[in-house]
């Protein structure tokens, strides 16, 4: 006659199975707050855009004043 597993054995095996199933998987629905925190433009790209815009404004002002 075989013996039934104890409640602790069942819980331990269920936890091990659940961890094995979840391993390597991402969340089904990511948190919307995380998506809002990310900027669509990188920091370097934003710096380059600001540099180009401000530089062209300065050159245009110099051209207007001295020419």
PDB file of N, CA and C in Angstrom:
ATOM      1  N   UNK A   1       0.838  -1.162   0.000  1.00  0.00           N
ATOM      2  CA  UNK A   1       0.000   0.000   0.000  1.00  0.00           C
ATOM      3  C   UNK A   1       0.899   1.246   0.000  1.00  0.00           C
ATOM      4  N   UNK A   2       0.622   2.204  -0.918  1.00  0.00           N
ATOM      5  CA  UNK A   2       1.440   3.415  -0.990  1.00  0.00           C
ATOM      6  C   UNK A   2       0.900   4.480  -0.044  1.00  0.00           C
ATOM      7  N   UNK A   3       1.820   5.332   0.361  1.00  0.00           N
ATOM      8  CA  UNK A   3       1.462   6.359   1.333  1.00  0.00           C
ATOM      9  C   UNK A   3       1.213   7.682   0.602  1.00  0.00           C
ATOM     10  N   UNK A   4       0.220   8.438   1.034  1.00  0.00           N
ATOM     11  CA  UNK A   4      -0.104   9.742   0.458  1.00  0.00           C
ATOM     12  C   UNK A   4       0.994  10.747   0.822  1.00  0.00           C
ATOM     13  N   UNK A   5       1.326  11.684  -0.094  1.00  0.00           N
ATOM     14  CA  UNK A   5       2.304  12.715   0.260  1.00  0.00           C
ATOM     15  C   UNK A   5       1.701  13.692   1.271  1.00  0.00           C
ATOM     16  N   UNK A   6       2.552  14.231   2.100  1.00  0.00           N
ATOM     17  CA  UNK A   6       2.071  15.183   3.101  1.00  0.00           C
ATOM     18  C   UNK A   6       1.764  16.524   2.431  1.00  0.00           C
ATOM     19  N   UNK A   7       1.054  17.371   3.159  1.00  0.00           N
ATOM     20  CA  UNK A   7       0.698  18.691   2.633  1.00  0.00           C
ATOM     21  C   UNK A   7       1.956  19.521   2.343  1.00  0.00           C
ATOM     22  N   UNK A   8       2.967  19.410   3.193  1.00  0.00           N
ATOM     23  CA  UNK A   8       4.218  20.142   2.981  1.00  0.00           C
ATOM     24  C   UNK A   8       4.913  19.675   1.703  1.00  0.00           C
ATOM     25  N   UNK A   9       4.899  18.365   1.438  1.00  0.00           N
ATOM     26  CA  UNK A   9       5.499  17.843   0.205  1.00  0.00           C
ATOM     27  C   UNK A   9       4.776  18.381  -1.029  1.00  0.00           C
ATOM     28  N   UNK A  10       3.462  18.421  -0.971  1.00  0.00           N
ATOM     29  CA  UNK A  10       2.674  18.916  -2.101  1.00  0.00           C
ATOM     30  C   UNK A  10       2.982  20.390  -2.351  1.00  0.00           C
ATOM     31  N   UNK A  11       3.010  21.188  -1.280  1.00  0.00           N
ATOM     32  CA  UNK A  11       3.302  22.618  -1.433  1.00  0.00           C
ATOM     33  C   UNK A  11       4.706  22.840  -1.989  1.00  0.00           C
ATOM     34  N   UNK A  12       5.680  22.072  -1.514  1.00  0.00           N
ATOM     35  CA  UNK A  12       7.053  22.217  -1.981  1.00  0.00           C
ATOM     36  C   UNK A  12       7.152  21.858  -3.464  1.00  0.00           C
ATOM     37  N   UNK A  13       6.504  20.775  -3.869  1.00  0.00           N
ATOM     38  CA  UNK A  13       6.546  20.371  -5.274  1.00  0.00           C
ATOM     39  C   UNK A  13       5.796  21.367  -6.160  1.00  0.00           C
ATOM     40  N   UNK A  14       4.680  21.903  -5.671  1.00  0.00           N
ATOM     41  CA  UNK A  14       3.943  22.910  -6.436  1.00  0.00           C
ATOM     42  C   UNK A  14       4.777  24.179  -6.615  1.00  0.00           C
ATOM     43  N   UNK A  15       5.459  24.595  -5.552  1.00  0.00           N
ATOM     44  CA  UNK A  15       6.297  25.791  -5.639  1.00  0.00           C
ATOM     45  C   UNK A  15       7.452  25.568  -6.612  1.00  0.00           C
ATOM     46  N   UNK A  16       8.066  24.398  -6.571  1.00  0.00           N
ATOM     47  CA  UNK A  16       9.165  24.095  -7.482  1.00  0.00           C
ATOM     48  C   UNK A  16       8.672  24.074  -8.930  1.00  0.00           C
ATOM     49  N   UNK A  17       7.494  23.506  -9.156  1.00  0.00           N
ATOM     50  CA  UNK A  17       6.928  23.464 -10.501  1.00  0.00           C
ATOM     51  C   UNK A  17       6.597  24.875 -10.994  1.00  0.00           C
ATOM     52  N   UNK A  18       6.002  25.699 -10.132  1.00  0.00           N
ATOM     53  CA  UNK A  18       5.647  27.066 -10.519  1.00  0.00           C
ATOM     54  C   UNK A  18       6.894  27.876 -10.847  1.00  0.00           C
ATOM     55  N   UNK A  19       7.955  27.706 -10.077  1.00  0.00           N
ATOM     56  CA  UNK A  19       9.205  28.422 -10.354  1.00  0.00           C
ATOM     57  C   UNK A  19       9.821  27.966 -11.670  1.00  0.00           C
ATOM     58  N   UNK A  20       9.730  26.670 -11.966  1.00  0.00           N
ATOM     59  CA  UNK A  20      10.275  26.153 -13.217  1.00  0.00           C
ATOM     60  C   UNK A  20       9.485  26.680 -14.412  1.00  0.00           C
ATOM     61  N   UNK A  21       8.176  26.820 -14.260  1.00  0.00           N
ATOM     62  CA  UNK A  21       7.345  27.320 -15.350  1.00  0.00           C
ATOM     63  C   UNK A  21       7.619  28.798 -15.601  1.00  0.00           C
ATOM     64  N   UNK A  22       7.797  29.571 -14.522  1.00  0.00           N
ATOM     65  CA  UNK A  22       8.008  31.019 -14.648  1.00  0.00           C
ATOM     66  C   UNK A  22       9.424  31.379 -15.084  1.00  0.00           C
ATOM     67  N   UNK A  23      10.350  30.461 -14.988  1.00  0.00           N
ATOM     68  CA  UNK A  23      11.755  30.773 -15.273  1.00  0.00           C
ATOM     69  C   UNK A  23      11.921  31.227 -16.722  1.00  0.00           C
ATOM     70  N   UNK A  24      12.522  32.385 -16.902  1.00  0.00           N
ATOM     71  CA  UNK A  24      12.819  32.884 -18.228  1.00  0.00           C
ATOM     72  C   UNK A  24      11.678  33.582 -18.929  1.00  0.00           C
ATOM     73  N   UNK A  25      10.527  33.683 -18.302  1.00  0.00           N
ATOM     74  CA  UNK A  25       9.390  34.339 -18.941  1.00  0.00           C
ATOM     75  C   UNK A  25       9.247  35.758 -18.427  1.00  0.00           C
ATOM     76  N   UNK A  26       8.769  36.640 -19.297  1.00  0.00           N
ATOM     77  CA  UNK A  26       8.519  38.019 -18.901  1.00  0.00           C
ATOM     78  C   UNK A  26       7.065  38.165 -18.479  1.00  0.00           C
ATOM     79  N   UNK A  27       6.763  39.290 -17.884  1.00  0.00           N
ATOM     80  CA  UNK A  27       5.400  39.551 -17.455  1.00  0.00           C
ATOM     81  C   UNK A  27       4.497  39.669 -18.681  1.00  0.00           C
ATOM     82  N   UNK A  28       3.267  39.221 -18.530  1.00  0.00           N
ATOM     83  CA  UNK A  28       2.328  39.253 -19.643  1.00  0.00           C
ATOM     84  C   UNK A  28       1.982  40.696 -19.999  1.00  0.00           C
ATOM     85  N   UNK A  29       1.722  41.510 -18.989  1.00  0.00           N
ATOM     86  CA  UNK A  29       1.328  42.893 -19.217  1.00  0.00           C
ATOM     87  C   UNK A  29       2.283  43.794 -18.439  1.00  0.00           C
ATOM     88  N   UNK A  30       3.188  44.512 -19.127  1.00  0.00           N
ATOM     89  CA  UNK A  30       4.118  45.372 -18.398  1.00  0.00           C
ATOM     90  C   UNK A  30       3.397  46.539 -17.740  1.00  0.00           C
ATOM     91  N   UNK A  31       4.019  47.062 -16.717  1.00  0.00           N
ATOM     92  CA  UNK A  31       3.452  48.165 -15.959  1.00  0.00           C
ATOM     93  C   UNK A  31       3.428  49.423 -16.832  1.00  0.00           C
ATOM     94  N   UNK A  32       2.295  50.124 -16.939  1.00  0.00           N
ATOM     95  CA  UNK A  32       2.247  51.321 -17.784  1.00  0.00           C
ATOM     96  C   UNK A  32       3.145  52.449 -17.278  1.00  0.00           C
ATOM     97  N   UNK A  33       3.436  52.487 -16.001  1.00  0.00           N
ATOM     98  CA  UNK A  33       4.321  53.528 -15.464  1.00  0.00           C
ATOM     99  C   UNK A  33       5.731  53.380 -16.023  1.00  0.00           C
ATOM    100  N   UNK A  34       6.177  52.141 -16.242  1.00  0.00           N
ATOM    101  CA  UNK A  34       7.512  51.927 -16.794  1.00  0.00           C
ATOM    102  C   UNK A  34       7.600  52.455 -18.222  1.00  0.00           C
ATOM    103  N   UNK A  35       6.537  52.300 -18.995  1.00  0.00           N
ATOM    104  CA  UNK A  35       6.538  52.785 -20.369  1.00  0.00           C
ATOM    105  C   UNK A  35       6.546  54.312 -20.403  1.00  0.00           C
ATOM    106  N   UNK A  36       5.934  54.953 -19.424  1.00  0.00           N
ATOM    107  CA  UNK A  36       5.901  56.408 -19.392  1.00  0.00           C
ATOM    108  C   UNK A  36       7.255  56.983 -18.996  1.00  0.00           C
ATOM    109  N   UNK A  37       8.028  56.275 -18.226  1.00  0.00           N
ATOM    110  CA  UNK A  37       9.320  56.770 -17.765  1.00  0.00           C
ATOM    111  C   UNK A  37      10.347  56.806 -18.896  1.00  0.00           C
ATOM    112  N   UNK A  38      10.209  55.934 -19.861  1.00  0.00           N
ATOM    113  CA  UNK A  38      11.178  55.863 -20.944  1.00  0.00           C
ATOM    114  C   UNK A  38      10.934  56.996 -21.937  1.00  0.00           C
ATOM    115  N   UNK A  39      12.008  57.657 -22.310  1.00  0.00           N
ATOM    116  CA  UNK A  39      11.915  58.727 -23.296  1.00  0.00           C
ATOM    117  C   UNK A  39      12.043  58.126 -24.692  1.00  0.00           C
ATOM    118  N   UNK A  40      11.263  58.597 -25.657  1.00  0.00           N
ATOM    119  CA  UNK A  40      11.381  58.041 -27.010  1.00  0.00           C
ATOM    120  C   UNK A  40      12.684  58.454 -27.703  1.00  0.00           C
ATOM    121  N   UNK A  41      13.340  59.500 -27.183  1.00  0.00           N
ATOM    122  CA  UNK A  41      14.604  59.973 -27.758  1.00  0.00           C
ATOM    123  C   UNK A  41      15.694  59.788 -26.713  1.00  0.00           C
ATOM    124  N   UNK A  42      16.817  59.240 -27.132  1.00  0.00           N
ATOM    125  CA  UNK A  42      17.922  59.026 -26.214  1.00  0.00           C
ATOM    126  C   UNK A  42      18.547  60.338 -25.772  1.00  0.00           C
ATOM    127  N   UNK A  43      19.301  60.270 -24.696  1.00  0.00           N
ATOM    128  CA  UNK A  43      19.918  61.471 -24.135  1.00  0.00           C
ATOM    129  C   UNK A  43      20.936  62.073 -25.101  1.00  0.00           C
ATOM    130  N   UNK A  44      21.724  61.231 -25.762  1.00  0.00           N
ATOM    131  CA  UNK A  44      22.714  61.730 -26.721  1.00  0.00           C
ATOM    132  C   UNK A  44      22.026  62.363 -27.918  1.00  0.00           C
ATOM    133  N   UNK A  45      20.954  61.765 -28.398  1.00  0.00           N
ATOM    134  CA  UNK A  45      20.234  62.325 -29.542  1.00  0.00           C
ATOM    135  C   UNK A  45      19.607  63.666 -29.182  1.00  0.00           C
ATOM    136  N   UNK A  46      19.057  63.767 -27.992  1.00  0.00           N
ATOM    137  CA  UNK A  46      18.473  65.029 -27.543  1.00  0.00           C
ATOM    138  C   UNK A  46      19.547  66.111 -27.441  1.00  0.00           C
ATOM    139  N   UNK A  47      20.708  65.749 -26.913  1.00  0.00           N
ATOM    140  CA  UNK A  47      21.815  66.699 -26.833  1.00  0.00           C
ATOM    141  C   UNK A  47      22.266  67.165 -28.209  1.00  0.00           C
ATOM    142  N   UNK A  48      22.315  66.249 -29.171  1.00  0.00           N
ATOM    143  CA  UNK A  48      22.718  66.616 -30.530  1.00  0.00           C
ATOM    144  C   UNK A  48      21.701  67.559 -31.165  1.00  0.00           C
ATOM    145  N   UNK A  49      20.422  67.295 -30.958  1.00  0.00           N
ATOM    146  CA  UNK A  49      19.378  68.160 -31.513  1.00  0.00           C
ATOM    147  C   UNK A  49      19.473  69.558 -30.914  1.00  0.00           C
ATOM    148  N   UNK A  50      19.634  69.646 -29.602  1.00  0.00           N
ATOM    149  CA  UNK A  50      19.751  70.948 -28.936  1.00  0.00           C
ATOM    150  C   UNK A  50      20.999  71.678 -29.423  1.00  0.00           C
ATOM    151  N   UNK A  51      22.091  70.955 -29.579  1.00  0.00           N
ATOM    152  CA  UNK A  51      23.339  71.559 -30.060  1.00  0.00           C
ATOM    153  C   UNK A  51      23.162  72.144 -31.462  1.00  0.00           C
ATOM    154  N   UNK A  52      22.534  71.395 -32.341  1.00  0.00           N
ATOM    155  CA  UNK A  52      22.346  71.861 -33.718  1.00  0.00           C
ATOM    156  C   UNK A  52      21.413  73.064 -33.759  1.00  0.00           C
ATOM    157  N   UNK A  53      20.312  72.998 -33.030  1.00  0.00           N
ATOM    158  CA  UNK A  53      19.343  74.102 -33.047  1.00  0.00           C
ATOM    159  C   UNK A  53      19.954  75.364 -32.444  1.00  0.00           C
ATOM    160  N   UNK A  54      20.555  75.243 -31.274  1.00  0.00           N
ATOM    161  CA  UNK A  54      21.158  76.422 -30.623  1.00  0.00           C
ATOM    162  C   UNK A  54      22.323  76.964 -31.441  1.00  0.00           C
ATOM    163  N   UNK A  55      23.124  76.097 -32.006  1.00  0.00           N
ATOM    164  CA  UNK A  55      24.243  76.542 -32.834  1.00  0.00           C
ATOM    165  C   UNK A  55      23.775  77.288 -34.068  1.00  0.00           C
ATOM    166  N   UNK A  56      22.735  76.794 -34.711  1.00  0.00           N
ATOM    167  CA  UNK A  56      22.242  77.485 -35.904  1.00  0.00           C
ATOM    168  C   UNK A  56      21.623  78.831 -35.547  1.00  0.00           C
ATOM    169  N   UNK A  57      20.961  78.925 -34.393  1.00  0.00           N
ATOM    170  CA  UNK A  57      20.407  80.210 -33.954  1.00  0.00           C
ATOM    171  C   UNK A  57      21.534  81.203 -33.700  1.00  0.00           C
ATOM    172  N   UNK A  58      22.593  80.778 -33.057  1.00  0.00           N
ATOM    173  CA  UNK A  58      23.734  81.662 -32.782  1.00  0.00           C
ATOM    174  C   UNK A  58      24.378  82.130 -34.085  1.00  0.00           C
ATOM    175  N   UNK A  59      24.575  81.216 -35.039  1.00  0.00           N
ATOM    176  CA  UNK A  59      25.170  81.605 -36.315  1.00  0.00           C
ATOM    177  C   UNK A  59      24.277  82.576 -37.079  1.00  0.00           C
ATOM    178  N   UNK A  60      22.975  82.371 -37.051  1.00  0.00           N
ATOM    179  CA  UNK A  60      22.059  83.288 -37.727  1.00  0.00           C
ATOM    180  C   UNK A  60      22.089  84.668 -37.082  1.00  0.00           C
ATOM    181  N   UNK A  61      22.160  84.725 -35.756  1.00  0.00           N
ATOM    182  CA  UNK A  61      22.241  86.022 -35.078  1.00  0.00           C
ATOM    183  C   UNK A  61      23.541  86.739 -35.416  1.00  0.00           C
ATOM    184  N   UNK A  62      24.638  86.011 -35.459  1.00  0.00           N
ATOM    185  CA  UNK A  62      25.929  86.606 -35.831  1.00  0.00           C
ATOM    186  C   UNK A  62      25.865  87.129 -37.262  1.00  0.00           C
ATOM    187  N   UNK A  63      25.243  86.356 -38.148  1.00  0.00           N
ATOM    188  CA  UNK A  63      25.128  86.764 -39.546  1.00  0.00           C
ATOM    189  C   UNK A  63      24.272  88.028 -39.673  1.00  0.00           C
ATOM    190  N   UNK A  64      23.196  88.112 -38.906  1.00  0.00           N
ATOM    191  CA  UNK A  64      22.332  89.295 -38.953  1.00  0.00           C
ATOM    192  C   UNK A  64      23.033  90.535 -38.401  1.00  0.00           C
ATOM    193  N   UNK A  65      23.799  90.369 -37.349  1.00  0.00           N
ATOM    194  CA  UNK A  65      24.426  91.514 -36.695  1.00  0.00           C
ATOM    195  C   UNK A  65      25.607  92.036 -37.510  1.00  0.00           C
ATOM    196  N   UNK A  66      26.474  91.179 -37.995  1.00  0.00           N
ATOM    197  CA  UNK A  66      27.718  91.609 -38.620  1.00  0.00           C
ATOM    198  C   UNK A  66      27.653  91.713 -40.136  1.00  0.00           C
ATOM    199  N   UNK A  67      26.631  91.203 -40.767  1.00  0.00           N
ATOM    200  CA  UNK A  67      26.572  91.278 -42.237  1.00  0.00           C
ATOM    201  C   UNK A  67      25.441  92.140 -42.711  1.00  0.00           C
TER     202      UNK A  67
END
